[in-house]
Protein backbone atom coordinates (compact mmCIF):
# COMPACT_ATOMS: atom_id res chain seq x y z
CA MET A 1 3.53 -1.58 14.43
CA SER A 2 4.70 -0.90 11.14
CA VAL A 3 6.55 -2.80 9.05
CA VAL A 4 8.67 -1.23 5.89
CA ILE A 5 7.94 -3.12 2.39
CA ALA A 6 9.85 -1.04 -0.02
CA GLU A 7 11.17 1.77 0.39
CA GLY A 8 12.49 4.50 -2.40
CA PRO A 9 16.45 5.84 -3.17
CA MET A 10 17.07 8.69 -1.15
CA GLN A 11 17.89 10.31 -4.35
CA LEU A 12 13.81 9.91 -5.72
CA GLY A 13 13.17 11.65 -1.81
CA GLY A 14 13.47 8.15 0.62
CA HIS A 15 9.90 7.79 0.03
CA GLU A 16 8.54 4.10 2.21
CA ALA A 17 5.72 1.85 2.25
CA THR A 18 4.77 0.88 4.97
CA SER A 19 2.32 -2.38 6.57
CA ASN A 20 0.02 -2.18 9.38
CA VAL A 21 -1.66 -5.52 8.87
CA PRO A 22 -0.43 -8.10 11.23
CA ASP A 23 1.40 -10.99 9.40
CA ARG A 24 -1.23 -13.75 8.74
CA TYR A 25 -3.22 -11.74 8.16
CA GLN A 26 -5.09 -13.11 5.17
CA GLY A 27 -8.38 -10.37 3.94
CA ALA A 28 -8.57 -6.99 1.80
CA CYS A 29 -6.43 -4.70 2.73
CA LYS A 30 -5.88 -0.55 2.29
CA LEU A 31 -3.24 1.41 0.38
CA ILE A 32 -3.26 4.53 1.92
CA ASP A 33 -1.59 8.17 0.70
CA ASN A 34 0.34 8.94 4.49
CA SER A 35 0.17 12.63 2.68
CA GLU A 36 -3.81 12.98 2.58
CA ASP A 37 -4.49 10.29 4.39
CA LYS A 38 -7.13 9.34 1.93
CA VAL A 39 -7.24 5.59 1.03
CA MET A 40 -6.17 5.13 -2.98
CA THR A 41 -7.68 1.66 -3.54
CA VAL A 42 -8.98 -0.88 -1.32
CA LEU A 43 -7.46 -4.95 -3.27
CA PRO A 44 -8.74 -8.46 -2.35
CA ASN A 45 -5.84 -9.22 -0.20
CA LYS A 46 -1.89 -8.41 1.47
CA ASP A 47 1.02 -9.79 -1.78
CA GLU A 48 -2.04 -7.66 -4.19
CA ALA A 49 -1.91 -4.68 -1.27
CA PHE A 50 2.47 -5.32 -0.37
CA SER A 51 2.78 -5.11 -5.10
CA ALA A 52 1.22 -1.88 -4.90
CA ALA A 53 2.24 -0.27 -2.29
CA SER A 54 5.78 -0.64 -4.07
CA TYR A 55 5.22 0.86 -7.44
CA ALA A 56 3.10 3.47 -5.88
CA ILE A 57 5.98 5.29 -4.31
CA THR A 58 8.29 4.91 -7.02
CA PRO A 59 8.22 8.01 -9.96
CA ASP A 60 6.37 5.87 -12.61
CA GLY A 61 3.81 5.47 -8.93
CA GLY A 62 3.42 8.93 -7.96
CA TYR A 63 3.23 9.10 -4.24
CA CYS A 64 5.13 9.47 -1.28
CA SER A 65 4.97 7.43 1.20
CA VAL A 66 2.05 5.13 1.24
CA VAL A 67 0.61 2.82 3.82
CA VAL A 68 -0.64 -0.62 4.26
CA GLU A 69 -3.47 -1.41 6.72
CA ALA A 70 -7.08 -3.67 7.23
CA ALA A 71 -9.97 -3.65 5.15
CA ARG A 72 -13.86 -4.95 5.15
CA GLU A 73 -13.86 -7.78 1.91
CA SER A 74 -17.39 -5.41 1.28
CA GLU A 75 -14.68 -2.66 0.36
CA ILE A 76 -13.56 -4.18 -2.40
CA THR A 77 -12.48 -1.73 -5.19
CA HIS A 78 -10.26 -3.20 -8.14
CA PRO A 79 -8.80 -7.32 -8.34
CA GLY A 80 -5.01 -6.67 -8.62
CA TRP A 81 -3.26 -4.78 -8.19
CA GLN A 82 -2.80 -3.17 -12.22
CA GLU A 83 -6.39 -3.35 -12.57
């Protein structure tokens, strides 16, 4: 079940950041661009991934709707969302 993390204003397209990660999950997370079904980044934890997802759907972030999913620790590409 997807949970909405953030929503952009309808005037800017109404993009959404959603999560498929379980509430108690503590591991690495990947951020996926829904328009291309492409992994954008893999971060060490859910908090970093949620921050990145919320930023990604803003005009400065430049992406449409994104989704956060669980990933393996070996897939981590960045230590934090601002890196």
